[in-house]
Structure formats: C-alpha cells, structure tokens
Amino acid sequence: MSDNGLITVPSAHSAKDTIDRIEADVKSKGMTVFARIDHAAGANEVGLKLAPTELLIFGNAKAGTPLMQSHQQIGIDLPLKMLAWEDPSGKRWLSYNDPVWLARRHGLGHELDETVKGMAAALSAIAKKASA
C-alpha cells in the first residue's frame, strides 16, 4: 500500500528481526548505518507502552549528495529510513518513503531521474528481502 509517498509492505518477521535483516543487507551493500532506534524501548523507559517499532536510518553519500546538490532541503528526508512495526492486531509491517515521491516533493529535476529510480529499486529490493 502507498499513502502520500509512504510505501508499506507486510513483513513475515518481528520488527527487530526485520530491522536486523535490513541492517545486514545495507551494510553488505556498502551503505552506512547512521542510527537504529527502538521506539518501543524508548516508550518503555518513560513508562508507556508501544507495540514493537524499530527504525533504521541509513544511506550512501554517492547517491544522496547529488540530490542535495540539486535541492539542499531534501536533506530533511535523507538519509533513508525504514520502519518495522506491529499493528494492534499483531500484523507486522515495513514502511519507507518512496524516493520518487520525495523527488517530486522537493521539485528535483529530471536529470536526477536515474539516480532516484535506482534508489527506489534498491529500497524495494531491500524491503522484499527483509520482509520475506
């Protein structure tokens, strides 16, 4: 499903396992992992409950920098992120921003279409591998 540039796919794995799989995959591709955030653990630390929810922030300067050179404000949406989460019924999901939608949001020129399409294809492949 897609909603305002957000792509969400079902995951066969827990939030932790899905993010573990993504982290291993992106590192094997030479990307940089900048942060991993366990939102449920953070909620627990302040006495609140949250279903399993983990975020991985990662990227590759070779792909992201040209986008920022074109329109620096896209840096608000970079580096890339993937969120693994569980809904109230116990279903597990993986969500991420569609790079094509981000390019439109920030008005990037067509000269970056191939880079953006490459990013979109890479994220789709990562999502399929991690959630299968």
N, C-alpha and C. Protein backbone atom coordinates (compact mmCIF):
# COMPACT_ATOMS: atom_id res chain seq x y z
N MET A 1 0.83 -1.18 0.00
CA MET A 1 0.00 0.00 0.00
C MET A 1 0.88 1.24 0.00
N SER A 2 0.37 2.35 -0.51
CA SER A 2 1.11 3.60 -0.56
C SER A 2 0.21 4.73 -0.09
N ASP A 3 0.75 5.63 0.71
CA ASP A 3 -0.03 6.73 1.24
C ASP A 3 0.87 7.95 1.33
N ASN A 4 0.63 8.93 0.48
CA ASN A 4 1.42 10.16 0.49
C ASN A 4 2.93 9.88 0.45
N GLY A 5 3.32 8.99 -0.43
CA GLY A 5 4.73 8.69 -0.59
C GLY A 5 5.27 7.65 0.35
N LEU A 6 4.44 7.13 1.23
CA LEU A 6 4.87 6.10 2.17
C LEU A 6 4.50 4.74 1.61
N ILE A 7 5.48 3.89 1.45
CA ILE A 7 5.26 2.53 0.98
C ILE A 7 5.27 1.62 2.20
N THR A 8 4.24 0.79 2.33
CA THR A 8 4.14 -0.14 3.45
C THR A 8 3.86 -1.53 2.91
N VAL A 9 4.68 -2.48 3.34
CA VAL A 9 4.55 -3.87 2.91
C VAL A 9 4.48 -4.76 4.14
N PRO A 10 3.79 -5.90 4.04
CA PRO A 10 3.75 -6.82 5.17
C PRO A 10 5.12 -7.46 5.39
N SER A 11 5.42 -7.77 6.63
CA SER A 11 6.66 -8.47 6.96
C SER A 11 6.34 -9.79 7.64
N ALA A 12 7.08 -10.81 7.28
CA ALA A 12 6.92 -12.13 7.89
C ALA A 12 7.70 -12.25 9.19
N HIS A 13 8.38 -11.18 9.57
CA HIS A 13 9.28 -11.21 10.73
C HIS A 13 8.90 -10.15 11.75
N SER A 14 9.39 -10.32 12.97
CA SER A 14 9.19 -9.31 14.01
C SER A 14 9.88 -8.01 13.58
N ALA A 15 9.52 -6.93 14.25
CA ALA A 15 10.16 -5.64 13.95
C ALA A 15 11.67 -5.74 14.11
N LYS A 16 12.12 -6.34 15.21
CA LYS A 16 13.56 -6.47 15.46
C LYS A 16 14.22 -7.30 14.36
N ASP A 17 13.65 -8.44 14.03
CA ASP A 17 14.25 -9.30 13.02
C ASP A 17 14.25 -8.64 11.65
N THR A 18 13.18 -7.92 11.33
CA THR A 18 13.12 -7.22 10.04
C THR A 18 14.24 -6.19 9.96
N ILE A 19 14.41 -5.40 11.02
CA ILE A 19 15.46 -4.38 11.02
C ILE A 19 16.84 -5.03 11.04
N ASP A 20 17.00 -6.14 11.76
CA ASP A 20 18.27 -6.88 11.72
C ASP A 20 18.62 -7.26 10.28
N ARG A 21 17.62 -7.75 9.55
CA ARG A 21 17.83 -8.20 8.17
C ARG A 21 18.18 -7.01 7.26
N ILE A 22 17.50 -5.89 7.46
CA ILE A 22 17.80 -4.69 6.66
C ILE A 22 19.21 -4.20 6.96
N GLU A 23 19.54 -4.13 8.25
CA GLU A 23 20.87 -3.65 8.64
C GLU A 23 21.97 -4.50 8.01
N ALA A 24 21.83 -5.80 8.07
CA ALA A 24 22.84 -6.68 7.47
C ALA A 24 22.92 -6.47 5.96
N ASP A 25 21.77 -6.32 5.31
CA ASP A 25 21.73 -6.15 3.86
C ASP A 25 22.38 -4.82 3.43
N VAL A 26 22.01 -3.72 4.08
CA VAL A 26 22.56 -2.43 3.66
C VAL A 26 24.07 -2.36 3.93
N LYS A 27 24.50 -2.95 5.04
CA LYS A 27 25.95 -2.97 5.32
C LYS A 27 26.69 -3.79 4.28
N SER A 28 26.09 -4.91 3.85
CA SER A 28 26.74 -5.75 2.83
C SER A 28 26.84 -5.03 1.49
N LYS A 29 25.98 -4.03 1.28
CA LYS A 29 25.99 -3.25 0.04
C LYS A 29 26.89 -2.01 0.15
N GLY A 30 27.58 -1.86 1.29
CA GLY A 30 28.49 -0.74 1.47
C GLY A 30 27.83 0.55 1.92
N MET A 31 26.57 0.47 2.30
CA MET A 31 25.89 1.68 2.80
C MET A 31 26.26 1.90 4.26
N THR A 32 26.05 3.11 4.72
CA THR A 32 26.34 3.49 6.10
C THR A 32 25.06 3.43 6.92
N VAL A 33 25.13 2.78 8.08
CA VAL A 33 24.02 2.81 9.03
C VAL A 33 24.33 3.94 10.01
N PHE A 34 23.44 4.91 10.07
CA PHE A 34 23.65 6.07 10.92
C PHE A 34 23.03 5.90 12.30
N ALA A 35 21.88 5.23 12.36
CA ALA A 35 21.22 5.05 13.66
C ALA A 35 20.19 3.94 13.57
N ARG A 36 19.97 3.35 14.72
CA ARG A 36 18.90 2.38 14.89
C ARG A 36 18.15 2.78 16.14
N ILE A 37 16.85 2.96 16.00
CA ILE A 37 16.04 3.47 17.10
C ILE A 37 14.94 2.46 17.42
N ASP A 38 14.90 2.05 18.67
CA ASP A 38 13.85 1.16 19.15
C ASP A 38 12.82 2.04 19.87
N HIS A 39 11.77 2.42 19.14
CA HIS A 39 10.77 3.33 19.70
C HIS A 39 10.03 2.70 20.88
N ALA A 40 9.78 1.39 20.82
CA ALA A 40 9.08 0.72 21.92
C ALA A 40 9.92 0.75 23.19
N ALA A 41 11.22 0.55 23.06
CA ALA A 41 12.11 0.62 24.22
C ALA A 41 12.11 2.03 24.81
N GLY A 42 12.11 3.04 23.94
CA GLY A 42 12.06 4.42 24.41
C GLY A 42 10.77 4.71 25.16
N ALA A 43 9.66 4.20 24.64
CA ALA A 43 8.38 4.39 25.32
C ALA A 43 8.40 3.71 26.69
N ASN A 44 8.96 2.50 26.71
CA ASN A 44 9.03 1.74 27.96
C ASN A 44 9.84 2.49 29.03
N GLU A 45 10.89 3.18 28.60
CA GLU A 45 11.74 3.92 29.54
C GLU A 45 10.99 5.03 30.26
N VAL A 46 9.91 5.52 29.65
CA VAL A 46 9.13 6.58 30.30
C VAL A 46 7.79 6.05 30.79
N GLY A 47 7.69 4.71 30.91
CA GLY A 47 6.50 4.10 31.48
C GLY A 47 5.32 3.99 30.55
N LEU A 48 5.56 4.07 29.25
CA LEU A 48 4.46 3.97 28.28
C LEU A 48 4.61 2.70 27.45
N LYS A 49 3.52 2.22 26.93
CA LYS A 49 3.50 1.02 26.10
C LYS A 49 3.45 1.41 24.64
N LEU A 50 4.19 0.69 23.83
CA LEU A 50 4.15 0.87 22.37
C LEU A 50 4.44 -0.49 21.76
N ALA A 51 3.66 -0.86 20.78
CA ALA A 51 3.91 -2.11 20.07
C ALA A 51 5.32 -2.07 19.48
N PRO A 52 5.91 -3.23 19.20
CA PRO A 52 7.25 -3.24 18.61
C PRO A 52 7.35 -2.31 17.40
N THR A 53 8.32 -1.40 17.46
CA THR A 53 8.51 -0.39 16.42
C THR A 53 9.99 -0.03 16.39
N GLU A 54 10.66 -0.35 15.28
CA GLU A 54 12.08 -0.03 15.16
C GLU A 54 12.35 0.69 13.85
N LEU A 55 13.26 1.65 13.91
CA LEU A 55 13.62 2.48 12.76
C LEU A 55 15.10 2.33 12.47
N LEU A 56 15.44 2.17 11.20
CA LEU A 56 16.84 2.15 10.78
C LEU A 56 17.06 3.33 9.85
N ILE A 57 18.11 4.11 10.12
CA ILE A 57 18.48 5.26 9.28
C ILE A 57 19.80 4.91 8.61
N PHE A 58 19.82 4.97 7.29
CA PHE A 58 20.99 4.52 6.54
C PHE A 58 21.07 5.27 5.21
N GLY A 59 22.21 5.17 4.57
CA GLY A 59 22.32 5.80 3.26
C GLY A 59 23.68 5.63 2.64
N ASN A 60 23.82 6.30 1.51
CA ASN A 60 25.04 6.26 0.72
C ASN A 60 25.24 7.66 0.17
N ALA A 61 26.31 8.31 0.56
CA ALA A 61 26.56 9.69 0.14
C ALA A 61 26.67 9.83 -1.38
N LYS A 62 27.14 8.78 -2.05
CA LYS A 62 27.24 8.86 -3.52
C LYS A 62 25.88 9.02 -4.17
N ALA A 63 24.86 8.44 -3.58
CA ALA A 63 23.51 8.57 -4.13
C ALA A 63 22.78 9.80 -3.60
N GLY A 64 22.93 10.07 -2.31
CA GLY A 64 22.18 11.16 -1.69
C GLY A 64 22.72 12.55 -1.97
N THR A 65 24.03 12.68 -2.06
CA THR A 65 24.62 14.01 -2.23
C THR A 65 24.16 14.71 -3.51
N PRO A 66 24.11 14.03 -4.66
CA PRO A 66 23.62 14.72 -5.86
C PRO A 66 22.20 15.28 -5.70
N LEU A 67 21.37 14.59 -4.95
CA LEU A 67 20.02 15.11 -4.72
C LEU A 67 20.09 16.39 -3.89
N MET A 68 20.96 16.38 -2.87
CA MET A 68 21.10 17.57 -2.03
C MET A 68 21.79 18.71 -2.78
N GLN A 69 22.68 18.38 -3.70
CA GLN A 69 23.30 19.43 -4.51
C GLN A 69 22.27 20.13 -5.38
N SER A 70 21.27 19.38 -5.81
CA SER A 70 20.21 19.93 -6.63
C SER A 70 19.22 20.75 -5.81
N HIS A 71 18.86 20.22 -4.64
CA HIS A 71 17.88 20.90 -3.78
C HIS A 71 18.20 20.52 -2.34
N GLN A 72 18.96 21.37 -1.68
CA GLN A 72 19.52 21.03 -0.37
C GLN A 72 18.47 20.66 0.67
N GLN A 73 17.25 21.17 0.52
CA GLN A 73 16.22 20.88 1.52
C GLN A 73 15.78 19.42 1.53
N ILE A 74 16.12 18.64 0.50
CA ILE A 74 15.78 17.21 0.54
C ILE A 74 16.53 16.52 1.67
N GLY A 75 17.53 17.19 2.22
CA GLY A 75 18.25 16.66 3.37
C GLY A 75 17.36 16.42 4.58
N ILE A 76 16.18 17.04 4.62
CA ILE A 76 15.23 16.76 5.70
C ILE A 76 14.71 15.32 5.59
N ASP A 77 14.74 14.76 4.38
CA ASP A 77 14.25 13.40 4.15
C ASP A 77 15.37 12.40 3.92
N LEU A 78 16.60 12.85 3.99
CA LEU A 78 17.76 11.97 3.86
C LEU A 78 18.55 12.03 5.16
N PRO A 79 19.24 11.00 5.56
CA PRO A 79 19.38 9.73 4.89
C PRO A 79 18.05 8.97 4.87
N LEU A 80 18.08 7.84 4.18
CA LEU A 80 16.91 7.00 4.04
C LEU A 80 16.55 6.34 5.36
N LYS A 81 15.27 5.94 5.48
CA LYS A 81 14.80 5.33 6.72
C LYS A 81 13.86 4.18 6.37
N MET A 82 13.86 3.17 7.21
CA MET A 82 12.87 2.10 7.13
C MET A 82 12.37 1.83 8.54
N LEU A 83 11.04 1.69 8.66
CA LEU A 83 10.39 1.49 9.94
C LEU A 83 9.68 0.15 9.94
N ALA A 84 10.06 -0.72 10.87
CA ALA A 84 9.38 -2.00 11.06
C ALA A 84 8.48 -1.86 12.28
N TRP A 85 7.23 -2.31 12.15
CA TRP A 85 6.28 -2.08 13.22
C TRP A 85 5.18 -3.14 13.23
N GLU A 86 4.52 -3.22 14.38
CA GLU A 86 3.43 -4.17 14.56
C GLU A 86 2.15 -3.40 14.85
N ASP A 87 1.07 -3.76 14.14
CA ASP A 87 -0.19 -3.06 14.36
C ASP A 87 -0.96 -3.68 15.53
N PRO A 88 -2.07 -3.06 15.94
CA PRO A 88 -2.82 -3.57 17.10
C PRO A 88 -3.31 -5.02 16.97
N SER A 89 -3.48 -5.49 15.73
CA SER A 89 -3.94 -6.87 15.56
C SER A 89 -2.79 -7.87 15.54
N GLY A 90 -1.55 -7.37 15.65
CA GLY A 90 -0.38 -8.24 15.65
C GLY A 90 0.26 -8.44 14.29
N LYS A 91 -0.30 -7.82 13.25
CA LYS A 91 0.32 -7.92 11.93
C LYS A 91 1.59 -7.08 11.92
N ARG A 92 2.57 -7.56 11.16
CA ARG A 92 3.88 -6.89 11.11
C ARG A 92 4.09 -6.25 9.75
N TRP A 93 4.67 -5.05 9.77
CA TRP A 93 4.78 -4.22 8.58
C TRP A 93 6.16 -3.60 8.46
N LEU A 94 6.47 -3.15 7.25
CA LEU A 94 7.69 -2.41 6.96
C LEU A 94 7.30 -1.20 6.12
N SER A 95 7.68 -0.02 6.56
CA SER A 95 7.33 1.22 5.85
C SER A 95 8.58 2.02 5.52
N TYR A 96 8.52 2.70 4.36
CA TYR A 96 9.61 3.58 3.96
C TYR A 96 9.10 4.62 2.97
N ASN A 97 9.83 5.72 2.86
CA ASN A 97 9.48 6.77 1.92
C ASN A 97 9.89 6.38 0.51
N ASP A 98 8.99 6.61 -0.44
CA ASP A 98 9.26 6.36 -1.85
C ASP A 98 10.17 7.47 -2.38
N PRO A 99 11.40 7.15 -2.82
CA PRO A 99 12.29 8.18 -3.34
C PRO A 99 11.71 8.97 -4.51
N VAL A 100 10.89 8.34 -5.34
CA VAL A 100 10.26 9.06 -6.47
C VAL A 100 9.33 10.14 -5.92
N TRP A 101 8.57 9.81 -4.89
CA TRP A 101 7.69 10.79 -4.26
C TRP A 101 8.51 11.92 -3.61
N LEU A 102 9.63 11.55 -2.96
CA LEU A 102 10.49 12.57 -2.35
C LEU A 102 11.04 13.52 -3.40
N ALA A 103 11.44 12.98 -4.54
CA ALA A 103 11.96 13.82 -5.62
C ALA A 103 10.91 14.81 -6.09
N ARG A 104 9.68 14.35 -6.22
CA ARG A 104 8.58 15.25 -6.62
C ARG A 104 8.31 16.28 -5.52
N ARG A 105 8.31 15.82 -4.28
CA ARG A 105 8.06 16.72 -3.15
C ARG A 105 9.02 17.89 -3.16
N HIS A 106 10.28 17.60 -3.48
CA HIS A 106 11.31 18.63 -3.43
C HIS A 106 11.60 19.26 -4.79
N GLY A 107 10.86 18.89 -5.81
CA GLY A 107 10.99 19.51 -7.13
C GLY A 107 12.33 19.24 -7.80
N LEU A 108 12.86 18.03 -7.62
CA LEU A 108 14.13 17.69 -8.27
C LEU A 108 13.93 17.61 -9.78
N GLY A 109 14.95 17.99 -10.52
CA GLY A 109 14.89 17.98 -11.97
C GLY A 109 15.02 16.58 -12.55
N HIS A 110 14.66 16.46 -13.80
CA HIS A 110 14.69 15.16 -14.48
C HIS A 110 16.11 14.61 -14.66
N GLU A 111 17.11 15.46 -14.51
CA GLU A 111 18.49 14.98 -14.63
C GLU A 111 18.84 13.99 -13.52
N LEU A 112 18.04 13.95 -12.47
CA LEU A 112 18.27 13.02 -11.36
C LEU A 112 17.35 11.81 -11.39
N ASP A 113 16.55 11.69 -12.45
CA ASP A 113 15.59 10.58 -12.53
C ASP A 113 16.24 9.22 -12.38
N GLU A 114 17.36 9.00 -13.03
CA GLU A 114 18.01 7.68 -12.95
C GLU A 114 18.51 7.38 -11.54
N THR A 115 19.07 8.39 -10.88
CA THR A 115 19.53 8.22 -9.50
C THR A 115 18.35 7.88 -8.59
N VAL A 116 17.27 8.63 -8.75
CA VAL A 116 16.09 8.42 -7.91
C VAL A 116 15.47 7.05 -8.18
N LYS A 117 15.38 6.68 -9.44
CA LYS A 117 14.84 5.35 -9.77
C LYS A 117 15.72 4.25 -9.21
N GLY A 118 17.02 4.46 -9.23
CA GLY A 118 17.95 3.48 -8.65
C GLY A 118 17.75 3.35 -7.16
N MET A 119 17.55 4.47 -6.48
CA MET A 119 17.29 4.44 -5.04
C MET A 119 15.99 3.70 -4.76
N ALA A 120 14.96 3.98 -5.55
CA ALA A 120 13.67 3.33 -5.37
C ALA A 120 13.78 1.83 -5.57
N ALA A 121 14.51 1.42 -6.59
CA ALA A 121 14.68 -0.01 -6.86
C ALA A 121 15.47 -0.68 -5.73
N ALA A 122 16.50 0.00 -5.24
CA ALA A 122 17.30 -0.56 -4.14
C ALA A 122 16.45 -0.73 -2.88
N LEU A 123 15.65 0.28 -2.54
CA LEU A 123 14.81 0.18 -1.35
C LEU A 123 13.76 -0.92 -1.50
N SER A 124 13.19 -1.04 -2.68
CA SER A 124 12.21 -2.09 -2.92
C SER A 124 12.85 -3.47 -2.74
N ALA A 125 14.04 -3.65 -3.27
CA ALA A 125 14.73 -4.92 -3.14
C ALA A 125 15.09 -5.22 -1.68
N ILE A 126 15.55 -4.20 -0.96
CA ILE A 126 15.87 -4.36 0.46
C ILE A 126 14.63 -4.76 1.23
N ALA A 127 13.52 -4.07 0.95
CA ALA A 127 12.26 -4.35 1.65
C ALA A 127 11.78 -5.77 1.37
N LYS A 128 11.84 -6.20 0.11
CA LYS A 128 11.39 -7.55 -0.24
C LYS A 128 12.24 -8.60 0.45
N LYS A 129 13.54 -8.40 0.45
CA LYS A 129 14.45 -9.37 1.07
C LYS A 129 14.25 -9.44 2.58
N ALA A 130 14.07 -8.27 3.20
CA ALA A 130 13.96 -8.23 4.67
C ALA A 130 12.62 -8.73 5.17
N SER A 131 11.57 -8.55 4.39
CA SER A 131 10.23 -8.87 4.87
C SER A 131 9.76 -10.26 4.47
N ALA A 132 10.48 -10.91 3.56
CA ALA A 132 10.05 -12.24 3.05
C ALA A 132 10.26 -13.33 4.08
